[in-house]
Amino acid sequence: IDVNECTSENPCTQTCVNTYGSFLCRCEPGYELEADGVNCSDMDECSFSEFLCQHECVNGPGSYYCTCPSGYNLLDDSRSCQDINECEIRNFTCTSQQTCFNIPGEYKCLDPVRCEEPYLQINENRCMCPAENPGCRDQPFTILYRVMDMVSGRSVPSDIFQMQATTRYPGAYYIFQIKSGNEGREFYMR
């Protein structure tokens, strides 16, 4: 008569399966059977692949879970992270004069545009130099300020934005140049 080792002594640390004349040990999902054929040890799922989680994989007993950096939410797939738009959900500390600008993982408070002499403010992002002012003789007629976000991980070279001159003012000429922020020479104009 076969002795059921699983009921009499149960040598396995997790699941015991009786066989004729012997027994087998099985492990729960997330665990693996050790070389002794009896004990089960935690399987480190995070070591199998770096693509289990978009940000960070945390191993746990018999399982794993994904975490996201500050400023991101974990999506329903339990592995992908999505930026929290603090400006959209109004979770920011900008003053009423400042503009909230969302950036990955956080936000920035942008001060309003201030026109320098001899320019006059036309609206919230445009400055104009009146033609009748002698100080405007060799200055651009208008300066337009635009804030835009650039997504990282783009293939390069890549067009970021396009500006186009018009023939609205006869005799006018246009100069396009990067005034600042290109110390590393990452950008160029064409």
N, C-alpha and C. Protein backbone atom coordinates (compact mmCIF):
# COMPACT_ATOMS: atom_id res chain seq x y z
N ILE A 1 0.87 -1.18 0.00
CA ILE A 1 0.00 0.00 0.00
C ILE A 1 0.90 1.23 0.00
N ASP A 2 0.59 2.15 -0.92
CA ASP A 2 1.38 3.40 -1.02
C ASP A 2 1.21 4.23 0.24
N VAL A 3 2.31 4.73 0.73
CA VAL A 3 2.28 5.64 1.89
C VAL A 3 2.16 7.06 1.35
N ASN A 4 1.19 7.80 1.82
CA ASN A 4 1.02 9.20 1.40
C ASN A 4 1.88 10.08 2.29
N GLU A 5 3.10 10.36 1.81
CA GLU A 5 4.04 11.16 2.60
C GLU A 5 3.50 12.57 2.88
N CYS A 6 2.61 13.05 1.99
CA CYS A 6 2.09 14.41 2.13
C CYS A 6 1.22 14.55 3.38
N THR A 7 0.53 13.49 3.76
CA THR A 7 -0.32 13.58 4.96
C THR A 7 0.41 13.11 6.20
N SER A 8 1.31 12.16 6.05
CA SER A 8 1.96 11.63 7.24
C SER A 8 3.06 12.54 7.77
N GLU A 9 3.94 13.05 6.89
CA GLU A 9 5.05 13.89 7.38
C GLU A 9 5.18 15.22 6.64
N ASN A 10 4.60 15.34 5.43
CA ASN A 10 4.66 16.53 4.57
C ASN A 10 6.03 17.22 4.62
N PRO A 11 6.99 16.69 3.91
CA PRO A 11 8.35 17.24 3.93
C PRO A 11 8.49 18.55 3.13
N CYS A 12 7.50 18.91 2.34
CA CYS A 12 7.61 20.09 1.46
C CYS A 12 7.31 21.38 2.22
N THR A 13 7.95 22.44 1.82
CA THR A 13 7.70 23.75 2.47
C THR A 13 6.42 24.38 1.94
N GLN A 14 6.00 24.04 0.70
CA GLN A 14 4.77 24.62 0.18
C GLN A 14 3.77 23.51 -0.19
N THR A 15 3.73 23.05 -1.43
CA THR A 15 2.73 22.07 -1.83
C THR A 15 3.36 20.70 -2.04
N CYS A 16 2.71 19.70 -1.49
CA CYS A 16 3.19 18.32 -1.62
C CYS A 16 2.23 17.55 -2.52
N VAL A 17 2.78 16.78 -3.48
CA VAL A 17 1.98 15.95 -4.38
C VAL A 17 2.43 14.50 -4.18
N ASN A 18 1.49 13.66 -3.77
CA ASN A 18 1.81 12.25 -3.53
C ASN A 18 1.93 11.50 -4.86
N THR A 19 2.91 10.63 -4.97
CA THR A 19 3.06 9.74 -6.13
C THR A 19 3.22 8.32 -5.60
N TYR A 20 3.08 7.31 -6.48
CA TYR A 20 3.25 5.92 -6.04
C TYR A 20 4.67 5.69 -5.55
N GLY A 21 4.80 5.41 -4.30
CA GLY A 21 6.10 5.10 -3.72
C GLY A 21 6.95 6.30 -3.40
N SER A 22 6.44 7.50 -3.66
CA SER A 22 7.24 8.69 -3.39
C SER A 22 6.34 9.92 -3.30
N PHE A 23 6.93 11.08 -3.51
CA PHE A 23 6.19 12.35 -3.49
C PHE A 23 6.97 13.39 -4.29
N LEU A 24 6.29 14.47 -4.66
CA LEU A 24 6.92 15.61 -5.34
C LEU A 24 6.54 16.89 -4.63
N CYS A 25 7.45 17.81 -4.58
CA CYS A 25 7.16 19.13 -4.00
C CYS A 25 6.93 20.13 -5.13
N ARG A 26 5.95 20.97 -4.95
CA ARG A 26 5.64 22.04 -5.91
C ARG A 26 5.66 23.37 -5.17
N CYS A 27 5.91 24.41 -5.93
CA CYS A 27 5.96 25.76 -5.34
C CYS A 27 4.82 26.61 -5.88
N GLU A 28 4.40 27.58 -5.06
CA GLU A 28 3.36 28.53 -5.47
C GLU A 28 3.93 29.44 -6.57
N PRO A 29 3.04 30.07 -7.36
CA PRO A 29 3.52 31.03 -8.38
C PRO A 29 4.38 32.11 -7.73
N GLY A 30 5.49 32.43 -8.36
CA GLY A 30 6.42 33.42 -7.82
C GLY A 30 7.53 32.82 -6.98
N TYR A 31 7.49 31.50 -6.81
CA TYR A 31 8.55 30.79 -6.06
C TYR A 31 9.12 29.70 -6.95
N GLU A 32 10.35 29.29 -6.68
CA GLU A 32 10.95 28.20 -7.44
C GLU A 32 11.53 27.16 -6.49
N LEU A 33 11.48 25.91 -6.96
CA LEU A 33 11.95 24.78 -6.16
C LEU A 33 13.47 24.80 -6.10
N GLU A 34 14.00 24.64 -4.91
CA GLU A 34 15.45 24.63 -4.75
C GLU A 34 16.01 23.27 -5.16
N ALA A 35 17.33 23.17 -5.23
CA ALA A 35 18.00 21.95 -5.69
C ALA A 35 17.69 20.74 -4.81
N ASP A 36 17.33 20.98 -3.53
CA ASP A 36 17.03 19.86 -2.64
C ASP A 36 15.67 19.22 -2.95
N GLY A 37 14.88 19.85 -3.84
CA GLY A 37 13.59 19.31 -4.24
C GLY A 37 12.52 19.42 -3.18
N VAL A 38 12.79 20.15 -2.09
CA VAL A 38 11.84 20.25 -0.98
C VAL A 38 11.49 21.71 -0.67
N ASN A 39 12.50 22.54 -0.61
CA ASN A 39 12.29 23.94 -0.21
C ASN A 39 11.99 24.82 -1.42
N CYS A 40 11.22 25.88 -1.16
CA CYS A 40 10.89 26.87 -2.19
C CYS A 40 11.51 28.21 -1.81
N SER A 41 12.07 28.89 -2.81
CA SER A 41 12.63 30.21 -2.55
C SER A 41 11.98 31.22 -3.49
N ASP A 42 11.96 32.46 -3.05
CA ASP A 42 11.34 33.53 -3.83
C ASP A 42 12.06 33.70 -5.15
N MET A 43 11.28 33.88 -6.21
CA MET A 43 11.81 34.12 -7.55
C MET A 43 11.91 35.64 -7.73
N ASP A 44 13.07 36.14 -8.10
CA ASP A 44 13.23 37.59 -8.32
C ASP A 44 12.82 37.91 -9.76
N GLU A 45 11.54 38.20 -9.94
CA GLU A 45 11.03 38.49 -11.29
C GLU A 45 11.71 39.70 -11.91
N CYS A 46 12.11 40.66 -11.09
CA CYS A 46 12.74 41.88 -11.61
C CYS A 46 14.07 41.59 -12.31
N SER A 47 14.74 40.50 -11.94
CA SER A 47 16.03 40.18 -12.55
C SER A 47 15.86 39.52 -13.93
N PHE A 48 14.65 39.09 -14.25
CA PHE A 48 14.42 38.41 -15.53
C PHE A 48 14.47 39.37 -16.72
N SER A 49 13.91 40.57 -16.52
CA SER A 49 13.82 41.51 -17.63
C SER A 49 13.79 42.93 -17.11
N GLU A 50 14.45 43.83 -17.82
CA GLU A 50 14.41 45.24 -17.44
C GLU A 50 13.18 45.92 -18.03
N PHE A 51 12.36 45.18 -18.77
CA PHE A 51 11.19 45.75 -19.43
C PHE A 51 9.88 45.41 -18.71
N LEU A 52 9.96 44.81 -17.52
CA LEU A 52 8.73 44.51 -16.77
C LEU A 52 8.02 45.79 -16.36
N CYS A 53 8.79 46.79 -15.97
CA CYS A 53 8.23 48.06 -15.51
C CYS A 53 8.86 49.20 -16.31
N GLN A 54 8.05 50.24 -16.53
CA GLN A 54 8.59 51.39 -17.24
C GLN A 54 9.65 52.11 -16.41
N HIS A 55 9.42 52.21 -15.09
CA HIS A 55 10.38 52.94 -14.25
C HIS A 55 11.19 51.99 -13.36
N GLU A 56 10.59 51.51 -12.28
CA GLU A 56 11.34 50.67 -11.35
C GLU A 56 10.53 49.46 -10.94
N CYS A 57 11.20 48.32 -10.92
CA CYS A 57 10.59 47.05 -10.51
C CYS A 57 11.03 46.76 -9.08
N VAL A 58 10.06 46.41 -8.23
CA VAL A 58 10.36 46.08 -6.83
C VAL A 58 9.93 44.63 -6.59
N ASN A 59 10.90 43.78 -6.21
CA ASN A 59 10.59 42.38 -5.95
C ASN A 59 9.97 42.24 -4.57
N GLY A 60 8.99 41.32 -4.48
CA GLY A 60 8.35 41.02 -3.20
C GLY A 60 8.22 39.52 -3.06
N PRO A 61 7.81 39.01 -1.89
CA PRO A 61 7.67 37.57 -1.71
C PRO A 61 6.64 36.98 -2.68
N GLY A 62 7.10 36.20 -3.63
CA GLY A 62 6.22 35.54 -4.58
C GLY A 62 5.66 36.43 -5.66
N SER A 63 6.10 37.67 -5.72
CA SER A 63 5.54 38.59 -6.70
C SER A 63 6.48 39.76 -6.92
N TYR A 64 6.00 40.77 -7.63
CA TYR A 64 6.73 42.02 -7.84
C TYR A 64 5.71 43.11 -8.11
N TYR A 65 6.14 44.35 -8.00
CA TYR A 65 5.27 45.47 -8.38
C TYR A 65 6.12 46.58 -8.96
N CYS A 66 5.47 47.47 -9.70
CA CYS A 66 6.16 48.57 -10.36
C CYS A 66 5.89 49.88 -9.62
N THR A 67 6.88 50.75 -9.63
CA THR A 67 6.71 52.08 -9.04
C THR A 67 7.04 53.13 -10.08
N CYS A 68 6.55 54.33 -9.84
CA CYS A 68 6.82 55.47 -10.72
C CYS A 68 7.52 56.56 -9.92
N PRO A 69 8.28 57.43 -10.60
CA PRO A 69 8.93 58.52 -9.88
C PRO A 69 7.90 59.55 -9.43
N SER A 70 8.32 60.45 -8.57
CA SER A 70 7.46 61.53 -8.09
C SER A 70 6.96 62.35 -9.28
N GLY A 71 5.68 62.71 -9.26
CA GLY A 71 5.10 63.48 -10.36
C GLY A 71 4.48 62.62 -11.44
N TYR A 72 4.45 61.30 -11.23
CA TYR A 72 3.87 60.37 -12.21
C TYR A 72 2.89 59.43 -11.50
N ASN A 73 1.88 58.97 -12.24
CA ASN A 73 0.93 57.98 -11.74
C ASN A 73 1.17 56.65 -12.44
N LEU A 74 0.94 55.56 -11.72
CA LEU A 74 1.00 54.22 -12.31
C LEU A 74 -0.32 53.97 -13.03
N LEU A 75 -0.25 53.55 -14.29
CA LEU A 75 -1.46 53.32 -15.09
C LEU A 75 -2.10 51.98 -14.74
N ASP A 76 -3.27 51.73 -15.31
CA ASP A 76 -4.03 50.51 -15.01
C ASP A 76 -3.31 49.23 -15.40
N ASP A 77 -2.34 49.31 -16.32
CA ASP A 77 -1.60 48.11 -16.69
C ASP A 77 -0.58 47.71 -15.61
N SER A 78 -0.50 48.51 -14.54
CA SER A 78 0.39 48.27 -13.39
C SER A 78 1.87 48.26 -13.73
N ARG A 79 2.24 48.80 -14.90
CA ARG A 79 3.66 48.83 -15.26
C ARG A 79 4.09 50.15 -15.92
N SER A 80 3.14 50.90 -16.49
CA SER A 80 3.46 52.14 -17.20
C SER A 80 3.20 53.36 -16.32
N CYS A 81 4.00 54.40 -16.52
CA CYS A 81 3.87 55.64 -15.76
C CYS A 81 3.37 56.76 -16.66
N GLN A 82 2.52 57.62 -16.10
CA GLN A 82 2.01 58.76 -16.86
C GLN A 82 2.24 60.03 -16.04
N ASP A 83 2.72 61.06 -16.72
CA ASP A 83 2.98 62.34 -16.08
C ASP A 83 1.69 62.92 -15.50
N ILE A 84 1.79 63.46 -14.29
CA ILE A 84 0.66 64.17 -13.69
C ILE A 84 0.73 65.62 -14.17
N ASN A 85 -0.33 66.11 -14.80
CA ASN A 85 -0.37 67.50 -15.26
C ASN A 85 -0.90 68.35 -14.11
N GLU A 86 0.03 68.88 -13.31
CA GLU A 86 -0.35 69.67 -12.15
C GLU A 86 -1.15 70.92 -12.54
N CYS A 87 -0.85 71.47 -13.72
CA CYS A 87 -1.56 72.67 -14.17
C CYS A 87 -3.02 72.36 -14.47
N GLU A 88 -3.27 71.20 -15.03
CA GLU A 88 -4.63 70.80 -15.40
C GLU A 88 -5.48 70.50 -14.18
N ILE A 89 -4.89 69.84 -13.18
CA ILE A 89 -5.66 69.49 -11.98
C ILE A 89 -5.55 70.58 -10.90
N ARG A 90 -4.92 71.69 -11.25
CA ARG A 90 -4.78 72.86 -10.39
C ARG A 90 -4.05 72.54 -9.08
N ASN A 91 -3.02 71.69 -9.17
CA ASN A 91 -2.21 71.34 -8.00
C ASN A 91 -0.85 72.02 -8.14
N PHE A 92 -0.86 73.37 -8.06
CA PHE A 92 0.38 74.12 -8.22
C PHE A 92 0.36 75.33 -7.30
N THR A 93 1.53 75.98 -7.18
CA THR A 93 1.65 77.11 -6.26
C THR A 93 2.03 78.41 -6.98
N CYS A 94 1.64 78.56 -8.23
CA CYS A 94 1.95 79.79 -8.97
C CYS A 94 1.06 80.92 -8.48
N THR A 95 1.57 82.15 -8.59
CA THR A 95 0.76 83.32 -8.25
C THR A 95 -0.26 83.55 -9.36
N SER A 96 -1.20 84.45 -9.10
CA SER A 96 -2.24 84.72 -10.11
C SER A 96 -1.66 85.41 -11.34
N GLN A 97 -0.50 86.07 -11.20
CA GLN A 97 0.14 86.72 -12.36
C GLN A 97 0.95 85.72 -13.19
N GLN A 98 1.38 84.64 -12.59
CA GLN A 98 2.21 83.67 -13.28
C GLN A 98 1.37 82.66 -14.06
N THR A 99 2.03 82.01 -15.02
CA THR A 99 1.39 80.96 -15.79
C THR A 99 2.00 79.63 -15.38
N CYS A 100 1.15 78.64 -15.14
CA CYS A 100 1.62 77.30 -14.82
C CYS A 100 1.97 76.58 -16.12
N PHE A 101 3.15 75.97 -16.17
CA PHE A 101 3.60 75.25 -17.37
C PHE A 101 4.02 73.85 -16.95
N ASN A 102 3.30 72.85 -17.43
CA ASN A 102 3.58 71.46 -17.06
C ASN A 102 4.84 70.97 -17.76
N ILE A 103 5.71 70.31 -16.99
CA ILE A 103 6.88 69.62 -17.56
C ILE A 103 6.90 68.22 -16.96
N PRO A 104 7.57 67.26 -17.60
CA PRO A 104 7.54 65.88 -17.10
C PRO A 104 7.96 65.77 -15.63
N GLY A 105 7.05 65.25 -14.81
CA GLY A 105 7.33 65.01 -13.40
C GLY A 105 7.10 66.19 -12.49
N GLU A 106 6.91 67.37 -13.04
CA GLU A 106 6.70 68.56 -12.22
C GLU A 106 6.08 69.68 -13.05
N TYR A 107 6.21 70.91 -12.59
CA TYR A 107 5.70 72.07 -13.32
C TYR A 107 6.60 73.26 -13.03
N LYS A 108 6.46 74.30 -13.84
CA LYS A 108 7.20 75.54 -13.60
C LYS A 108 6.21 76.69 -13.60
N CYS A 109 6.50 77.70 -12.80
CA CYS A 109 5.71 78.92 -12.79
C CYS A 109 6.44 79.95 -13.65
N LEU A 110 5.80 80.36 -14.73
CA LEU A 110 6.42 81.31 -15.65
C LEU A 110 5.93 82.72 -15.36
N ASP A 111 6.89 83.64 -15.19
CA ASP A 111 6.53 85.04 -14.95
C ASP A 111 5.96 85.65 -16.21
N PRO A 112 5.10 86.67 -16.05
CA PRO A 112 4.53 87.30 -17.25
C PRO A 112 5.62 87.99 -18.07
N VAL A 113 5.36 88.14 -19.37
CA VAL A 113 6.30 88.82 -20.27
C VAL A 113 6.37 90.29 -19.88
N ARG A 114 7.61 90.80 -19.80
CA ARG A 114 7.81 92.23 -19.53
C ARG A 114 8.58 92.82 -20.71
N CYS A 115 8.00 93.82 -21.30
CA CYS A 115 8.64 94.46 -22.46
C CYS A 115 9.66 95.48 -21.97
N GLU A 116 10.87 95.45 -22.57
CA GLU A 116 11.91 96.41 -22.20
C GLU A 116 11.82 97.62 -23.12
N GLU A 117 12.25 98.77 -22.61
CA GLU A 117 12.28 100.02 -23.40
C GLU A 117 13.06 99.81 -24.69
N PRO A 118 12.64 100.30 -25.79
CA PRO A 118 11.51 101.20 -26.04
C PRO A 118 10.22 100.46 -26.43
N TYR A 119 10.12 99.18 -26.12
CA TYR A 119 8.96 98.38 -26.52
C TYR A 119 7.76 98.63 -25.61
N LEU A 120 6.58 98.52 -26.19
CA LEU A 120 5.32 98.63 -25.48
C LEU A 120 4.62 97.27 -25.51
N GLN A 121 3.95 96.94 -24.42
CA GLN A 121 3.24 95.65 -24.34
C GLN A 121 1.91 95.77 -25.08
N ILE A 122 1.71 94.88 -26.08
CA ILE A 122 0.46 94.86 -26.86
C ILE A 122 -0.53 93.89 -26.23
N ASN A 123 -0.06 92.70 -25.89
CA ASN A 123 -0.88 91.71 -25.17
C ASN A 123 0.04 90.88 -24.29
N GLU A 124 -0.44 89.76 -23.78
CA GLU A 124 0.33 89.01 -22.78
C GLU A 124 1.63 88.42 -23.30
N ASN A 125 1.80 88.30 -24.64
CA ASN A 125 3.05 87.72 -25.15
C ASN A 125 3.65 88.49 -26.33
N ARG A 126 3.20 89.72 -26.55
CA ARG A 126 3.72 90.48 -27.69
C ARG A 126 4.15 91.89 -27.27
N CYS A 127 5.34 92.27 -27.73
CA CYS A 127 5.86 93.62 -27.50
C CYS A 127 6.05 94.29 -28.85
N MET A 128 5.75 95.61 -28.91
CA MET A 128 5.86 96.35 -30.19
C MET A 128 6.72 97.59 -29.97
N CYS A 129 7.52 97.90 -30.97
CA CYS A 129 8.36 99.10 -30.93
C CYS A 129 7.73 100.11 -31.90
N PRO A 130 7.12 101.19 -31.39
CA PRO A 130 6.43 102.13 -32.28
C PRO A 130 7.39 102.80 -33.26
N ALA A 131 6.99 102.87 -34.52
CA ALA A 131 7.84 103.42 -35.58
C ALA A 131 8.21 104.87 -35.32
N GLU A 132 7.32 105.64 -34.67
CA GLU A 132 7.60 107.06 -34.42
C GLU A 132 8.65 107.29 -33.34
N ASN A 133 9.01 106.28 -32.57
CA ASN A 133 10.02 106.38 -31.53
C ASN A 133 11.41 106.23 -32.18
N PRO A 134 12.28 107.23 -32.05
CA PRO A 134 13.62 107.15 -32.67
C PRO A 134 14.43 105.96 -32.17
N GLY A 135 14.20 105.50 -30.94
CA GLY A 135 14.94 104.37 -30.40
C GLY A 135 14.57 103.05 -31.07
N CYS A 136 13.53 103.06 -31.90
CA CYS A 136 13.07 101.83 -32.56
C CYS A 136 13.64 101.68 -33.97
N ARG A 137 14.47 102.64 -34.39
CA ARG A 137 14.93 102.68 -35.78
C ARG A 137 15.56 101.37 -36.23
N ASP A 138 16.49 100.79 -35.47
CA ASP A 138 17.17 99.56 -35.88
C ASP A 138 16.72 98.34 -35.07
N GLN A 139 15.55 98.44 -34.49
CA GLN A 139 15.03 97.36 -33.67
C GLN A 139 13.93 96.60 -34.41
N PRO A 140 13.70 95.35 -34.06
CA PRO A 140 12.55 94.62 -34.63
C PRO A 140 11.25 95.33 -34.28
N PHE A 141 10.30 95.32 -35.21
CA PHE A 141 9.01 95.98 -35.01
C PHE A 141 8.23 95.33 -33.86
N THR A 142 8.18 94.01 -33.87
CA THR A 142 7.49 93.29 -32.79
C THR A 142 8.35 92.13 -32.28
N ILE A 143 8.15 91.81 -31.03
CA ILE A 143 8.76 90.62 -30.45
C ILE A 143 7.62 89.78 -29.89
N LEU A 144 7.56 88.55 -30.30
CA LEU A 144 6.51 87.64 -29.87
C LEU A 144 7.13 86.53 -29.03
N TYR A 145 6.59 86.31 -27.83
CA TYR A 145 7.11 85.28 -26.93
C TYR A 145 6.19 84.07 -26.97
N ARG A 146 6.77 82.90 -27.17
CA ARG A 146 6.01 81.65 -27.18
C ARG A 146 6.70 80.64 -26.26
N VAL A 147 5.92 79.92 -25.48
CA VAL A 147 6.45 78.84 -24.65
C VAL A 147 5.94 77.54 -25.24
N MET A 148 6.84 76.59 -25.46
CA MET A 148 6.40 75.30 -25.99
C MET A 148 7.21 74.20 -25.34
N ASP A 149 6.59 73.05 -25.23
CA ASP A 149 7.30 71.92 -24.65
C ASP A 149 7.89 71.06 -25.75
N MET A 150 9.05 70.49 -25.47
CA MET A 150 9.70 69.59 -26.41
C MET A 150 9.80 68.23 -25.74
N VAL A 151 9.25 67.21 -26.37
CA VAL A 151 9.26 65.87 -25.80
C VAL A 151 10.65 65.27 -25.97
N SER A 152 11.15 64.67 -24.89
CA SER A 152 12.46 64.04 -24.98
C SER A 152 12.36 62.72 -25.73
N GLY A 153 13.49 62.19 -26.12
CA GLY A 153 13.52 60.91 -26.82
C GLY A 153 13.18 61.02 -28.29
N ARG A 154 13.24 62.23 -28.86
CA ARG A 154 12.97 62.40 -30.29
C ARG A 154 14.18 61.91 -31.08
N SER A 155 13.91 61.46 -32.31
CA SER A 155 15.04 61.12 -33.18
C SER A 155 15.61 62.44 -33.70
N VAL A 156 16.89 62.48 -33.87
CA VAL A 156 17.54 63.72 -34.33
C VAL A 156 18.31 63.45 -35.61
N PRO A 157 18.49 64.43 -36.49
CA PRO A 157 17.93 65.78 -36.36
C PRO A 157 16.42 65.78 -36.59
N SER A 158 15.75 66.79 -36.03
CA SER A 158 14.31 66.86 -36.11
C SER A 158 13.87 68.32 -36.09
N ASP A 159 12.88 68.66 -36.91
CA ASP A 159 12.32 70.01 -36.88
C ASP A 159 11.48 70.17 -35.63
N ILE A 160 11.72 71.26 -34.89
CA ILE A 160 10.98 71.49 -33.66
C ILE A 160 9.83 72.45 -33.91
N PHE A 161 10.11 73.55 -34.57
CA PHE A 161 9.03 74.47 -34.93
C PHE A 161 9.42 75.24 -36.17
N GLN A 162 8.43 75.90 -36.77
CA GLN A 162 8.65 76.64 -38.02
C GLN A 162 8.14 78.06 -37.86
N MET A 163 8.96 79.02 -38.31
CA MET A 163 8.53 80.42 -38.35
C MET A 163 8.59 80.84 -39.82
N GLN A 164 7.67 81.72 -40.19
CA GLN A 164 7.64 82.13 -41.59
C GLN A 164 7.51 83.64 -41.68
N ALA A 165 8.36 84.25 -42.49
CA ALA A 165 8.28 85.69 -42.72
C ALA A 165 7.18 85.98 -43.73
N THR A 166 6.60 87.17 -43.63
CA THR A 166 5.56 87.56 -44.58
C THR A 166 6.01 88.80 -45.34
N THR A 167 5.31 89.12 -46.39
CA THR A 167 5.61 90.34 -47.18
C THR A 167 4.61 91.43 -46.83
N ARG A 168 4.13 91.42 -45.62
CA ARG A 168 3.11 92.37 -45.18
C ARG A 168 3.63 93.80 -45.15
N TYR A 169 4.91 93.96 -44.77
CA TYR A 169 5.49 95.30 -44.67
C TYR A 169 6.55 95.46 -45.76
N PRO A 170 6.27 96.26 -46.79
CA PRO A 170 7.24 96.44 -47.89
C PRO A 170 8.55 97.04 -47.36
N GLY A 171 9.64 96.51 -47.85
CA GLY A 171 10.95 97.01 -47.45
C GLY A 171 11.46 96.42 -46.15
N ALA A 172 10.66 95.62 -45.49
CA ALA A 172 11.10 95.02 -44.23
C ALA A 172 12.01 93.84 -44.53
N TYR A 173 12.94 93.57 -43.65
CA TYR A 173 13.77 92.38 -43.79
C TYR A 173 13.73 91.63 -42.46
N TYR A 174 14.01 90.37 -42.55
CA TYR A 174 13.84 89.51 -41.38
C TYR A 174 15.16 88.85 -41.02
N ILE A 175 15.43 88.81 -39.72
CA ILE A 175 16.61 88.12 -39.21
C ILE A 175 16.12 87.11 -38.18
N PHE A 176 16.44 85.85 -38.40
CA PHE A 176 16.10 84.81 -37.43
C PHE A 176 17.39 84.36 -36.76
N GLN A 177 17.41 84.36 -35.45
CA GLN A 177 18.60 83.90 -34.75
C GLN A 177 18.21 83.36 -33.38
N ILE A 178 19.04 82.46 -32.87
CA ILE A 178 18.84 81.93 -31.52
C ILE A 178 19.58 82.88 -30.59
N LYS A 179 18.83 83.61 -29.78
CA LYS A 179 19.42 84.66 -28.96
C LYS A 179 20.13 84.10 -27.72
N SER A 180 19.60 83.01 -27.12
CA SER A 180 20.22 82.46 -25.91
C SER A 180 19.76 81.02 -25.74
N GLY A 181 20.45 80.30 -24.86
CA GLY A 181 20.06 78.93 -24.55
C GLY A 181 20.64 77.88 -25.47
N ASN A 182 21.60 78.26 -26.30
CA ASN A 182 22.20 77.29 -27.21
C ASN A 182 23.70 77.14 -26.96
N GLU A 183 24.08 77.24 -25.68
CA GLU A 183 25.50 77.18 -25.35
C GLU A 183 26.12 75.85 -25.75
N GLY A 184 25.36 74.77 -25.67
CA GLY A 184 25.89 73.46 -26.05
C GLY A 184 25.76 73.18 -27.53
N ARG A 185 25.27 74.13 -28.30
CA ARG A 185 25.09 74.04 -29.76
C ARG A 185 24.24 72.82 -30.16
N GLU A 186 23.18 72.57 -29.37
CA GLU A 186 22.28 71.46 -29.71
C GLU A 186 21.31 71.85 -30.82
N PHE A 187 21.09 73.16 -31.01
CA PHE A 187 20.08 73.62 -31.95
C PHE A 187 20.72 74.40 -33.09
N TYR A 188 20.07 74.38 -34.22
CA TYR A 188 20.51 75.22 -35.34
C TYR A 188 19.28 75.62 -36.15
N MET A 189 19.47 76.65 -36.97
CA MET A 189 18.37 77.14 -37.80
C MET A 189 18.67 76.88 -39.25
N ARG A 190 17.62 76.67 -40.02
CA ARG A 190 17.83 76.48 -41.46
C ARG A 190 16.72 77.16 -42.23
